[in-house]
Amino acid sequence: MLLPCLHPELIEAGCDEAGRGCLAGDVYAAAVILPPDYTHPLLNDSKQLTERQRYALREDVERDSLAWALGIVTAKEIDEINILNASILAMHRALDALTLRPQYIVIDGNKFKPYGDTPYETVVKGDGKLMNIAAASILAKTYRDDYMNRLHEEYPHYDWNHNKGYPTAKHRAGIKEHGLTPYHRMSYNLLGDGQLSLDFG
C-alpha cells in the first residue's frame, strides 16, 4: 500500500522522470502535489500499470492533485550536460512550473540537486512507495509517450510509437538503415557497439 506522502503536515511535491535510458527524444519530468490524505486504489509505479491504466490515472491525478506540472529537457541539452544532470534539470523545471510552492520535495531515485532552499529527500523505488511520486511517474511517462508518438509521425522508420525511443532492435535497425534524426542523443552509444560517433556519410 502506497503512502500519499512522507510529510502530511507539509505541502509536499513528488517528482519523477521518464525517458532517461532512451536513445532519442527529450527527457520529461513531472512534479505532483496531492492532498495529504489522498487515497486511490490503483495508483502505483507507472511501470506496473498497463497503458490504458496509466492514461486513466493521468486524468485522476490531474483532477485530484492540488498542483501538477511538467518539465522538459531536450536531446541537445542532454548531450551538453549529460542525462543525470538533464533529469534533475527537468525536475527543477517541473517544480518551477507548479502553481503551489512545495515545502518539501520527494524524488524517485538516489540523485538530486538542491532546489533553492526547499528541503528534499530521495527515495529509491519511490514510485512504488509514495503516491505523489507514483503520480509524477504516470504524468511524465504518458506525456512523454504522447510526444514520442508525435515524433513517430515525423520519423516513422524507428518504431518510436512502440519503443518510445528506447534501444530496441527495431530502433537500432532504423538508425543503421536511415541514419540519425535531430532528436537522437548523440552522446549515447546509439548502435550498441561501443561507438559514440556515427558517420553516415
N, C-alpha and C. Protein backbone atom coordinates (compact mmCIF):
# COMPACT_ATOMS: atom_id res chain seq x y z
N MET A 1 0.85 -1.20 0.00
CA MET A 1 0.00 0.00 0.00
C MET A 1 0.88 1.25 0.00
N LEU A 2 0.70 2.10 -0.97
CA LEU A 2 1.49 3.32 -1.07
C LEU A 2 1.00 4.37 -0.09
N LEU A 3 1.94 5.12 0.49
CA LEU A 3 1.59 6.26 1.32
C LEU A 3 1.33 7.47 0.42
N PRO A 4 0.42 8.36 0.81
CA PRO A 4 0.18 9.55 -0.01
C PRO A 4 1.44 10.41 -0.14
N CYS A 5 2.16 10.57 0.99
CA CYS A 5 3.36 11.40 1.01
C CYS A 5 4.15 11.06 2.27
N LEU A 6 5.35 11.63 2.40
CA LEU A 6 6.16 11.38 3.60
C LEU A 6 5.79 12.31 4.75
N HIS A 7 5.43 13.55 4.41
CA HIS A 7 5.21 14.57 5.43
C HIS A 7 3.84 15.22 5.22
N PRO A 8 2.78 14.59 5.75
CA PRO A 8 1.43 15.12 5.51
C PRO A 8 1.19 16.51 6.09
N GLU A 9 2.06 16.92 7.02
CA GLU A 9 1.90 18.25 7.61
C GLU A 9 2.45 19.35 6.71
N LEU A 10 3.15 18.97 5.64
CA LEU A 10 3.76 19.94 4.73
C LEU A 10 3.15 19.84 3.33
N ILE A 11 3.32 20.90 2.55
CA ILE A 11 2.97 20.84 1.12
C ILE A 11 4.12 20.13 0.43
N GLU A 12 3.88 18.88 0.08
CA GLU A 12 4.96 18.02 -0.42
C GLU A 12 4.76 17.69 -1.90
N ALA A 13 5.79 17.91 -2.69
CA ALA A 13 5.76 17.58 -4.12
C ALA A 13 6.54 16.31 -4.37
N GLY A 14 5.96 15.39 -5.15
CA GLY A 14 6.66 14.21 -5.61
C GLY A 14 7.16 14.42 -7.02
N CYS A 15 8.39 13.96 -7.30
CA CYS A 15 9.00 14.15 -8.63
C CYS A 15 9.49 12.84 -9.20
N ASP A 16 9.33 12.68 -10.50
CA ASP A 16 9.90 11.54 -11.21
C ASP A 16 10.11 11.96 -12.67
N GLU A 17 10.95 11.16 -13.37
CA GLU A 17 11.23 11.45 -14.77
C GLU A 17 10.94 10.23 -15.63
N ALA A 18 10.90 10.46 -16.94
CA ALA A 18 10.71 9.39 -17.91
C ALA A 18 11.59 9.66 -19.12
N GLY A 19 12.17 8.59 -19.65
CA GLY A 19 12.95 8.70 -20.87
C GLY A 19 14.45 8.78 -20.66
N ARG A 20 14.89 8.46 -19.46
CA ARG A 20 16.32 8.59 -19.17
C ARG A 20 17.17 7.64 -20.01
N GLY A 21 16.71 6.42 -20.24
CA GLY A 21 17.50 5.43 -20.95
C GLY A 21 17.27 5.40 -22.46
N CYS A 22 16.56 6.38 -22.98
CA CYS A 22 16.22 6.38 -24.41
C CYS A 22 17.39 6.87 -25.26
N LEU A 23 17.40 6.44 -26.51
CA LEU A 23 18.40 6.91 -27.47
C LEU A 23 17.96 8.19 -28.17
N ALA A 24 16.70 8.50 -28.09
CA ALA A 24 16.16 9.66 -28.81
C ALA A 24 15.07 10.32 -27.98
N GLY A 25 14.90 11.61 -28.24
CA GLY A 25 13.82 12.34 -27.60
C GLY A 25 14.23 13.06 -26.33
N ASP A 26 13.37 13.98 -25.92
CA ASP A 26 13.58 14.75 -24.71
C ASP A 26 13.36 13.87 -23.48
N VAL A 27 13.89 14.30 -22.35
CA VAL A 27 13.55 13.67 -21.08
C VAL A 27 12.46 14.52 -20.43
N TYR A 28 11.45 13.85 -19.90
CA TYR A 28 10.31 14.52 -19.27
C TYR A 28 10.33 14.25 -17.77
N ALA A 29 9.94 15.24 -17.00
CA ALA A 29 9.75 15.05 -15.57
C ALA A 29 8.43 15.66 -15.17
N ALA A 30 7.90 15.20 -14.06
CA ALA A 30 6.67 15.77 -13.52
C ALA A 30 6.84 16.00 -12.02
N ALA A 31 6.14 17.00 -11.54
CA ALA A 31 6.04 17.26 -10.10
C ALA A 31 4.55 17.30 -9.75
N VAL A 32 4.19 16.60 -8.69
CA VAL A 32 2.78 16.50 -8.31
C VAL A 32 2.63 16.74 -6.81
N ILE A 33 1.68 17.58 -6.45
CA ILE A 33 1.30 17.78 -5.06
C ILE A 33 -0.10 17.23 -4.87
N LEU A 34 -0.21 16.16 -4.11
CA LEU A 34 -1.51 15.55 -3.81
C LEU A 34 -2.01 16.01 -2.45
N PRO A 35 -3.32 15.95 -2.21
CA PRO A 35 -3.81 16.20 -0.86
C PRO A 35 -3.15 15.22 0.11
N PRO A 36 -2.81 15.65 1.33
CA PRO A 36 -2.05 14.79 2.25
C PRO A 36 -2.78 13.51 2.67
N ASP A 37 -4.10 13.51 2.56
CA ASP A 37 -4.88 12.32 2.94
C ASP A 37 -5.38 11.56 1.71
N TYR A 38 -4.73 11.78 0.57
CA TYR A 38 -5.22 11.23 -0.69
C TYR A 38 -5.16 9.70 -0.70
N THR A 39 -6.17 9.10 -1.28
CA THR A 39 -6.17 7.65 -1.49
C THR A 39 -6.63 7.35 -2.91
N HIS A 40 -6.09 6.29 -3.47
CA HIS A 40 -6.52 5.82 -4.79
C HIS A 40 -6.14 4.35 -4.88
N PRO A 41 -7.11 3.47 -5.16
CA PRO A 41 -6.82 2.04 -5.11
C PRO A 41 -5.88 1.54 -6.20
N LEU A 42 -5.74 2.29 -7.30
CA LEU A 42 -4.95 1.81 -8.43
C LEU A 42 -3.63 2.53 -8.62
N LEU A 43 -3.43 3.64 -7.93
CA LEU A 43 -2.23 4.45 -8.14
C LEU A 43 -0.99 3.66 -7.74
N ASN A 44 -0.06 3.56 -8.69
CA ASN A 44 1.15 2.75 -8.48
C ASN A 44 2.22 3.23 -9.45
N ASP A 45 3.41 2.67 -9.29
CA ASP A 45 4.51 2.91 -10.21
C ASP A 45 4.02 2.69 -11.65
N SER A 46 4.28 3.65 -12.54
CA SER A 46 3.76 3.58 -13.90
C SER A 46 4.23 2.31 -14.63
N LYS A 47 5.40 1.79 -14.25
CA LYS A 47 5.92 0.59 -14.92
C LYS A 47 5.11 -0.66 -14.56
N GLN A 48 4.32 -0.58 -13.49
CA GLN A 48 3.49 -1.71 -13.07
C GLN A 48 2.09 -1.66 -13.66
N LEU A 49 1.83 -0.65 -14.47
CA LEU A 49 0.48 -0.44 -14.99
C LEU A 49 0.43 -0.65 -16.50
N THR A 50 -0.74 -0.96 -16.99
CA THR A 50 -0.92 -1.03 -18.44
C THR A 50 -1.04 0.38 -19.00
N GLU A 51 -0.89 0.49 -20.30
CA GLU A 51 -1.02 1.81 -20.94
C GLU A 51 -2.39 2.40 -20.66
N ARG A 52 -3.43 1.60 -20.77
CA ARG A 52 -4.79 2.10 -20.53
C ARG A 52 -4.94 2.60 -19.09
N GLN A 53 -4.38 1.84 -18.14
CA GLN A 53 -4.45 2.26 -16.73
C GLN A 53 -3.71 3.58 -16.51
N ARG A 54 -2.54 3.72 -17.16
CA ARG A 54 -1.76 4.95 -16.98
C ARG A 54 -2.54 6.17 -17.45
N TYR A 55 -3.17 6.06 -18.61
CA TYR A 55 -3.90 7.21 -19.14
C TYR A 55 -5.15 7.51 -18.32
N ALA A 56 -5.80 6.50 -17.81
CA ALA A 56 -6.96 6.72 -16.93
C ALA A 56 -6.52 7.39 -15.64
N LEU A 57 -5.39 6.93 -15.10
CA LEU A 57 -4.88 7.52 -13.86
C LEU A 57 -4.38 8.95 -14.07
N ARG A 58 -3.86 9.23 -15.26
CA ARG A 58 -3.44 10.61 -15.54
C ARG A 58 -4.60 11.57 -15.33
N GLU A 59 -5.77 11.20 -15.83
CA GLU A 59 -6.95 12.06 -15.65
C GLU A 59 -7.28 12.23 -14.18
N ASP A 60 -7.19 11.14 -13.42
CA ASP A 60 -7.49 11.22 -11.98
C ASP A 60 -6.49 12.12 -11.27
N VAL A 61 -5.21 11.94 -11.58
CA VAL A 61 -4.17 12.74 -10.93
C VAL A 61 -4.36 14.22 -11.24
N GLU A 62 -4.61 14.55 -12.50
CA GLU A 62 -4.77 15.95 -12.87
C GLU A 62 -6.01 16.56 -12.21
N ARG A 63 -7.03 15.77 -12.05
CA ARG A 63 -8.27 16.26 -11.41
C ARG A 63 -8.09 16.42 -9.90
N ASP A 64 -7.42 15.47 -9.28
CA ASP A 64 -7.39 15.41 -7.82
C ASP A 64 -6.22 16.14 -7.17
N SER A 65 -5.16 16.39 -7.92
CA SER A 65 -3.97 16.99 -7.31
C SER A 65 -4.21 18.46 -6.97
N LEU A 66 -3.47 18.94 -5.99
CA LEU A 66 -3.51 20.35 -5.64
C LEU A 66 -2.74 21.17 -6.67
N ALA A 67 -1.72 20.56 -7.26
CA ALA A 67 -0.95 21.19 -8.34
C ALA A 67 -0.13 20.11 -9.03
N TRP A 68 0.09 20.31 -10.32
CA TRP A 68 0.98 19.41 -11.06
C TRP A 68 1.61 20.19 -12.21
N ALA A 69 2.77 19.75 -12.65
CA ALA A 69 3.45 20.43 -13.75
C ALA A 69 4.47 19.49 -14.38
N LEU A 70 4.84 19.81 -15.62
CA LEU A 70 5.85 19.05 -16.35
C LEU A 70 7.10 19.90 -16.54
N GLY A 71 8.24 19.22 -16.66
CA GLY A 71 9.49 19.86 -17.03
C GLY A 71 10.14 19.04 -18.13
N ILE A 72 10.73 19.70 -19.11
CA ILE A 72 11.29 19.01 -20.28
C ILE A 72 12.70 19.51 -20.52
N VAL A 73 13.61 18.57 -20.83
CA VAL A 73 14.97 18.91 -21.25
C VAL A 73 15.21 18.22 -22.59
N THR A 74 15.69 18.97 -23.57
CA THR A 74 15.80 18.46 -24.94
C THR A 74 16.98 17.51 -25.10
N ALA A 75 16.94 16.76 -26.20
CA ALA A 75 18.05 15.85 -26.53
C ALA A 75 19.36 16.61 -26.67
N LYS A 76 19.30 17.80 -27.26
CA LYS A 76 20.50 18.62 -27.41
C LYS A 76 21.07 19.01 -26.05
N GLU A 77 20.20 19.40 -25.14
CA GLU A 77 20.66 19.73 -23.78
C GLU A 77 21.23 18.51 -23.08
N ILE A 78 20.61 17.34 -23.29
CA ILE A 78 21.12 16.11 -22.69
C ILE A 78 22.56 15.87 -23.15
N ASP A 79 22.82 16.05 -24.44
CA ASP A 79 24.17 15.86 -24.96
C ASP A 79 25.15 16.85 -24.33
N GLU A 80 24.69 18.03 -23.99
CA GLU A 80 25.57 19.07 -23.45
C GLU A 80 25.86 18.87 -21.97
N ILE A 81 24.89 18.39 -21.20
CA ILE A 81 25.08 18.37 -19.74
C ILE A 81 25.01 16.97 -19.14
N ASN A 82 24.74 15.95 -19.92
CA ASN A 82 24.61 14.52 -19.57
C ASN A 82 23.23 14.23 -18.98
N ILE A 83 22.85 12.97 -19.04
CA ILE A 83 21.47 12.60 -18.74
C ILE A 83 21.12 12.74 -17.26
N LEU A 84 22.08 12.52 -16.36
CA LEU A 84 21.78 12.70 -14.95
C LEU A 84 21.44 14.15 -14.66
N ASN A 85 22.31 15.06 -15.11
CA ASN A 85 22.03 16.48 -14.91
C ASN A 85 20.75 16.91 -15.61
N ALA A 86 20.50 16.34 -16.79
CA ALA A 86 19.29 16.68 -17.54
C ALA A 86 18.04 16.22 -16.81
N SER A 87 18.09 15.03 -16.22
CA SER A 87 16.93 14.51 -15.47
C SER A 87 16.62 15.41 -14.27
N ILE A 88 17.67 15.83 -13.57
CA ILE A 88 17.47 16.71 -12.42
C ILE A 88 16.97 18.07 -12.87
N LEU A 89 17.52 18.59 -13.98
CA LEU A 89 17.06 19.87 -14.51
C LEU A 89 15.59 19.80 -14.91
N ALA A 90 15.18 18.69 -15.52
CA ALA A 90 13.77 18.53 -15.89
C ALA A 90 12.88 18.57 -14.65
N MET A 91 13.32 17.96 -13.55
CA MET A 91 12.53 18.01 -12.31
C MET A 91 12.49 19.42 -11.76
N HIS A 92 13.62 20.14 -11.81
CA HIS A 92 13.62 21.53 -11.36
C HIS A 92 12.66 22.37 -12.20
N ARG A 93 12.64 22.13 -13.50
CA ARG A 93 11.72 22.88 -14.37
C ARG A 93 10.27 22.56 -14.04
N ALA A 94 9.99 21.30 -13.73
CA ALA A 94 8.62 20.94 -13.32
C ALA A 94 8.25 21.64 -12.02
N LEU A 95 9.16 21.68 -11.07
CA LEU A 95 8.91 22.37 -9.80
C LEU A 95 8.71 23.87 -10.03
N ASP A 96 9.50 24.44 -10.94
CA ASP A 96 9.34 25.86 -11.28
C ASP A 96 7.93 26.17 -11.78
N ALA A 97 7.34 25.21 -12.48
CA ALA A 97 6.05 25.45 -13.14
C ALA A 97 4.85 25.19 -12.22
N LEU A 98 5.08 24.68 -11.03
CA LEU A 98 3.96 24.43 -10.10
C LEU A 98 3.30 25.74 -9.69
N THR A 99 1.99 25.72 -9.59
CA THR A 99 1.25 26.91 -9.15
C THR A 99 1.19 27.01 -7.63
N LEU A 100 1.65 25.97 -6.95
CA LEU A 100 1.68 25.93 -5.49
C LEU A 100 3.11 25.63 -5.07
N ARG A 101 3.67 26.44 -4.19
CA ARG A 101 5.07 26.25 -3.79
C ARG A 101 5.19 25.11 -2.78
N PRO A 102 5.99 24.08 -3.08
CA PRO A 102 6.17 22.99 -2.13
C PRO A 102 7.04 23.40 -0.95
N GLN A 103 6.75 22.80 0.20
CA GLN A 103 7.58 22.99 1.39
C GLN A 103 8.56 21.83 1.56
N TYR A 104 8.34 20.77 0.82
CA TYR A 104 9.21 19.60 0.88
C TYR A 104 9.10 18.89 -0.46
N ILE A 105 10.20 18.25 -0.88
CA ILE A 105 10.21 17.55 -2.16
C ILE A 105 10.71 16.13 -1.94
N VAL A 106 10.01 15.17 -2.54
CA VAL A 106 10.49 13.78 -2.55
C VAL A 106 10.73 13.38 -4.00
N ILE A 107 11.85 12.72 -4.23
CA ILE A 107 12.31 12.42 -5.58
C ILE A 107 12.56 10.93 -5.73
N ASP A 108 12.10 10.37 -6.84
CA ASP A 108 12.38 8.96 -7.10
C ASP A 108 13.86 8.78 -7.42
N GLY A 109 14.49 7.80 -6.80
CA GLY A 109 15.90 7.52 -7.09
C GLY A 109 16.80 7.91 -5.94
N ASN A 110 18.08 8.12 -6.26
CA ASN A 110 19.05 8.46 -5.21
C ASN A 110 19.91 9.66 -5.54
N LYS A 111 19.53 10.41 -6.60
CA LYS A 111 20.33 11.56 -7.00
C LYS A 111 19.41 12.78 -7.21
N PHE A 112 19.84 13.90 -6.67
CA PHE A 112 19.12 15.16 -6.86
C PHE A 112 20.07 16.29 -6.50
N LYS A 113 19.74 17.49 -6.93
CA LYS A 113 20.49 18.68 -6.55
C LYS A 113 19.54 19.62 -5.85
N PRO A 114 20.05 20.38 -4.89
CA PRO A 114 19.15 21.27 -4.14
C PRO A 114 18.31 22.15 -5.05
N TYR A 115 17.06 22.29 -4.67
CA TYR A 115 16.13 23.17 -5.37
C TYR A 115 15.90 24.38 -4.46
N GLY A 116 16.68 25.43 -4.69
CA GLY A 116 16.64 26.57 -3.78
C GLY A 116 16.99 26.09 -2.38
N ASP A 117 16.21 26.54 -1.41
CA ASP A 117 16.43 26.08 -0.03
C ASP A 117 15.32 25.15 0.44
N THR A 118 14.56 24.58 -0.50
CA THR A 118 13.48 23.67 -0.14
C THR A 118 14.06 22.33 0.28
N PRO A 119 13.73 21.84 1.48
CA PRO A 119 14.26 20.53 1.90
C PRO A 119 13.72 19.42 1.00
N TYR A 120 14.54 18.39 0.82
CA TYR A 120 14.14 17.30 -0.07
C TYR A 120 14.69 15.97 0.43
N GLU A 121 14.17 14.91 -0.14
CA GLU A 121 14.63 13.56 0.18
C GLU A 121 14.51 12.69 -1.08
N THR A 122 15.56 11.94 -1.36
CA THR A 122 15.49 10.97 -2.44
C THR A 122 14.98 9.65 -1.88
N VAL A 123 14.16 8.96 -2.66
CA VAL A 123 13.56 7.70 -2.22
C VAL A 123 13.78 6.66 -3.31
N VAL A 124 14.64 5.68 -3.05
CA VAL A 124 14.89 4.63 -4.03
C VAL A 124 13.60 3.81 -4.23
N LYS A 125 13.24 3.60 -5.49
CA LYS A 125 11.98 2.94 -5.85
C LYS A 125 10.78 3.67 -5.23
N GLY A 126 10.91 4.99 -5.18
CA GLY A 126 9.87 5.81 -4.56
C GLY A 126 8.54 5.75 -5.29
N ASP A 127 8.57 5.45 -6.61
CA ASP A 127 7.31 5.36 -7.36
C ASP A 127 6.49 4.16 -6.95
N GLY A 128 7.07 3.24 -6.19
CA GLY A 128 6.33 2.11 -5.64
C GLY A 128 6.06 2.25 -4.15
N LYS A 129 6.40 3.43 -3.58
CA LYS A 129 6.24 3.64 -2.14
C LYS A 129 5.35 4.84 -1.81
N LEU A 130 5.44 5.89 -2.62
CA LEU A 130 4.71 7.13 -2.33
C LEU A 130 3.80 7.50 -3.49
N MET A 131 2.56 7.85 -3.16
CA MET A 131 1.59 8.17 -4.21
C MET A 131 1.97 9.41 -5.00
N ASN A 132 2.58 10.41 -4.34
CA ASN A 132 2.90 11.62 -5.10
C ASN A 132 4.00 11.35 -6.12
N ILE A 133 4.96 10.46 -5.80
CA ILE A 133 5.97 10.09 -6.78
C ILE A 133 5.36 9.20 -7.87
N ALA A 134 4.50 8.27 -7.49
CA ALA A 134 3.83 7.42 -8.47
C ALA A 134 3.01 8.27 -9.44
N ALA A 135 2.32 9.27 -8.91
CA ALA A 135 1.53 10.17 -9.76
C ALA A 135 2.44 10.91 -10.74
N ALA A 136 3.59 11.37 -10.25
CA ALA A 136 4.55 12.06 -11.12
C ALA A 136 5.07 11.11 -12.20
N SER A 137 5.30 9.86 -11.83
CA SER A 137 5.81 8.90 -12.82
C SER A 137 4.79 8.67 -13.92
N ILE A 138 3.51 8.66 -13.58
CA ILE A 138 2.45 8.46 -14.57
C ILE A 138 2.35 9.65 -15.52
N LEU A 139 2.42 10.86 -14.97
CA LEU A 139 2.35 12.04 -15.83
C LEU A 139 3.56 12.13 -16.74
N ALA A 140 4.75 11.93 -16.19
CA ALA A 140 5.97 12.01 -17.01
C ALA A 140 5.94 10.97 -18.11
N LYS A 141 5.55 9.75 -17.77
CA LYS A 141 5.54 8.66 -18.75
C LYS A 141 4.51 8.89 -19.85
N THR A 142 3.29 9.26 -19.49
CA THR A 142 2.24 9.38 -20.51
C THR A 142 2.47 10.59 -21.41
N TYR A 143 2.91 11.70 -20.83
CA TYR A 143 3.16 12.87 -21.69
C TYR A 143 4.37 12.65 -22.59
N ARG A 144 5.37 11.93 -22.09
CA ARG A 144 6.49 11.62 -22.97
C ARG A 144 6.08 10.64 -24.07
N ASP A 145 5.24 9.67 -23.73
CA ASP A 145 4.74 8.75 -24.76
C ASP A 145 3.98 9.50 -25.85
N ASP A 146 3.16 10.46 -25.44
CA ASP A 146 2.44 11.28 -26.43
C ASP A 146 3.43 11.98 -27.36
N TYR A 147 4.46 12.52 -26.77
CA TYR A 147 5.49 13.24 -27.54
C TYR A 147 6.20 12.31 -28.52
N MET A 148 6.56 11.10 -28.08
CA MET A 148 7.25 10.17 -28.97
C MET A 148 6.32 9.67 -30.07
N ASN A 149 5.04 9.54 -29.77
CA ASN A 149 4.08 9.17 -30.82
C ASN A 149 4.00 10.26 -31.89
N ARG A 150 4.08 11.52 -31.47
CA ARG A 150 4.08 12.62 -32.45
C ARG A 150 5.35 12.59 -33.30
N LEU A 151 6.51 12.31 -32.66
CA LEU A 151 7.76 12.24 -33.41
C LEU A 151 7.74 11.08 -34.40
N HIS A 152 7.07 9.99 -34.03
CA HIS A 152 6.97 8.84 -34.94
C HIS A 152 6.29 9.24 -36.25
N GLU A 153 5.30 10.11 -36.18
CA GLU A 153 4.63 10.55 -37.40
C GLU A 153 5.60 11.31 -38.30
N GLU A 154 6.55 12.01 -37.71
CA GLU A 154 7.53 12.77 -38.47
C GLU A 154 8.66 11.87 -38.98
N TYR A 155 9.05 10.90 -38.15
CA TYR A 155 10.14 9.98 -38.50
C TYR A 155 9.67 8.55 -38.23
N PRO A 156 9.00 7.93 -39.21
CA PRO A 156 8.35 6.63 -38.96
C PRO A 156 9.27 5.41 -39.02
N HIS A 157 10.56 5.59 -39.26
CA HIS A 157 11.44 4.45 -39.52
C HIS A 157 12.04 3.83 -38.26
N TYR A 158 11.70 4.34 -37.09
CA TYR A 158 12.41 3.91 -35.87
C TYR A 158 11.50 3.19 -34.87
N ASP A 159 10.24 3.00 -35.25
CA ASP A 159 9.28 2.29 -34.38
C ASP A 159 9.05 3.01 -33.06
N TRP A 160 9.16 4.35 -33.08
CA TRP A 160 9.03 5.11 -31.84
C TRP A 160 7.63 5.02 -31.23
N ASN A 161 6.62 4.73 -32.06
CA ASN A 161 5.28 4.60 -31.48
C ASN A 161 5.17 3.36 -30.60
N HIS A 162 6.13 2.45 -30.73
CA HIS A 162 6.17 1.27 -29.85
C HIS A 162 7.28 1.36 -28.81
N ASN A 163 8.51 1.69 -29.25
CA ASN A 163 9.63 1.64 -28.30
C ASN A 163 9.86 2.96 -27.56
N LYS A 164 9.18 4.03 -27.99
CA LYS A 164 9.27 5.35 -27.35
C LYS A 164 10.71 5.88 -27.26
N GLY A 165 11.57 5.39 -28.15
CA GLY A 165 12.94 5.89 -28.19
C GLY A 165 13.94 5.03 -27.46
N TYR A 166 13.46 3.97 -26.81
CA TYR A 166 14.38 3.07 -26.10
C TYR A 166 15.19 2.23 -27.09
N PRO A 167 16.31 1.66 -26.66
CA PRO A 167 17.23 0.96 -27.58
C PRO A 167 16.79 -0.46 -27.92
N THR A 168 15.74 -0.57 -28.71
CA THR A 168 15.28 -1.88 -29.17
C THR A 168 15.98 -2.24 -30.48
N ALA A 169 15.83 -3.49 -30.88
CA ALA A 169 16.43 -3.95 -32.14
C ALA A 169 15.87 -3.16 -33.32
N LYS A 170 14.56 -2.91 -33.33
CA LYS A 170 13.95 -2.16 -34.44
C LYS A 170 14.45 -0.73 -34.49
N HIS A 171 14.63 -0.13 -33.33
CA HIS A 171 15.12 1.25 -33.29
C HIS A 171 16.54 1.30 -33.87
N ARG A 172 17.39 0.39 -33.44
CA ARG A 172 18.77 0.41 -33.92
C ARG A 172 18.86 0.01 -35.39
N ALA A 173 17.98 -0.86 -35.83
CA ALA A 173 17.94 -1.20 -37.26
C ALA A 173 17.55 0.03 -38.08
N GLY A 174 16.63 0.82 -37.56
CA GLY A 174 16.24 2.05 -38.23
C GLY A 174 17.39 3.04 -38.33
N ILE A 175 18.19 3.12 -37.28
CA ILE A 175 19.36 4.01 -37.30
C ILE A 175 20.35 3.54 -38.36
N LYS A 176 20.60 2.23 -38.41
CA LYS A 176 21.55 1.70 -39.39
C LYS A 176 21.09 1.97 -40.82
N GLU A 177 19.79 1.85 -41.05
CA GLU A 177 19.27 1.97 -42.42
C GLU A 177 19.01 3.42 -42.83
N HIS A 178 18.55 4.24 -41.90
CA HIS A 178 18.08 5.58 -42.26
C HIS A 178 18.90 6.70 -41.63
N GLY A 179 19.86 6.34 -40.79
CA GLY A 179 20.67 7.38 -40.16
C GLY A 179 19.99 8.00 -38.96
N LEU A 180 20.47 9.17 -38.60
CA LEU A 180 20.01 9.82 -37.38
C LEU A 180 19.01 10.92 -37.68
N THR A 181 18.30 11.33 -36.65
CA THR A 181 17.36 12.44 -36.70
C THR A 181 17.87 13.55 -35.77
N PRO A 182 17.29 14.73 -35.85
CA PRO A 182 17.65 15.79 -34.90
C PRO A 182 17.29 15.45 -33.46
N TYR A 183 16.50 14.39 -33.26
CA TYR A 183 16.05 14.03 -31.92
C TYR A 183 16.92 12.96 -31.26
N HIS A 184 17.87 12.41 -31.97
CA HIS A 184 18.74 11.40 -31.37
C HIS A 184 19.76 12.06 -30.44
N ARG A 185 20.09 11.32 -29.39
CA ARG A 185 21.07 11.79 -28.41
C ARG A 185 22.45 11.36 -28.88
N MET A 186 23.22 12.31 -29.36
CA MET A 186 24.49 11.99 -29.99
C MET A 186 25.54 11.51 -29.01
N SER A 187 25.35 11.77 -27.73
CA SER A 187 26.33 11.33 -26.73
C SER A 187 26.10 9.89 -26.29
N TYR A 188 25.06 9.24 -26.84
CA TYR A 188 24.73 7.87 -26.46
C TYR A 188 25.38 6.87 -27.42
N ASN A 189 25.51 5.64 -26.96
CA ASN A 189 26.00 4.54 -27.80
C ASN A 189 24.82 4.06 -28.65
N LEU A 190 24.59 4.72 -29.76
CA LEU A 190 23.33 4.58 -30.49
C LEU A 190 23.17 3.22 -31.16
N LEU A 191 24.26 2.59 -31.57
CA LEU A 191 24.15 1.29 -32.23
C LEU A 191 24.48 0.13 -31.30
N GLY A 192 24.83 0.44 -30.06
CA GLY A 192 25.12 -0.62 -29.11
C GLY A 192 26.42 -1.32 -29.36
N ASP A 193 27.33 -0.68 -30.11
CA ASP A 193 28.60 -1.32 -30.46
C ASP A 193 29.79 -0.64 -29.79
N GLY A 194 29.50 0.22 -28.84
CA GLY A 194 30.57 0.91 -28.13
C GLY A 194 31.07 2.16 -28.82
N GLN A 195 30.53 2.46 -30.00
CA GLN A 195 30.99 3.63 -30.76
C GLN A 195 30.03 4.79 -30.48
N LEU A 196 30.57 5.90 -29.99
CA LEU A 196 29.72 7.04 -29.70
C LEU A 196 29.48 7.90 -30.93
N SER A 197 30.44 7.95 -31.84
CA SER A 197 30.26 8.80 -33.01
C SER A 197 29.83 7.95 -34.21
N LEU A 198 28.92 8.48 -34.96
CA LEU A 198 28.41 7.77 -36.13
C LEU A 198 28.66 8.60 -37.38
N ASP A 199 29.10 7.96 -38.42
CA ASP A 199 29.31 8.66 -39.70
C ASP A 199 28.50 7.96 -40.76
N PHE A 200 27.46 8.65 -41.22
CA PHE A 200 26.59 8.05 -42.23
C PHE A 200 26.90 8.61 -43.62
N GLY A 201 28.02 9.38 -43.68
CA GLY A 201 28.49 9.87 -44.97
C GLY A 201 27.39 10.35 -45.86
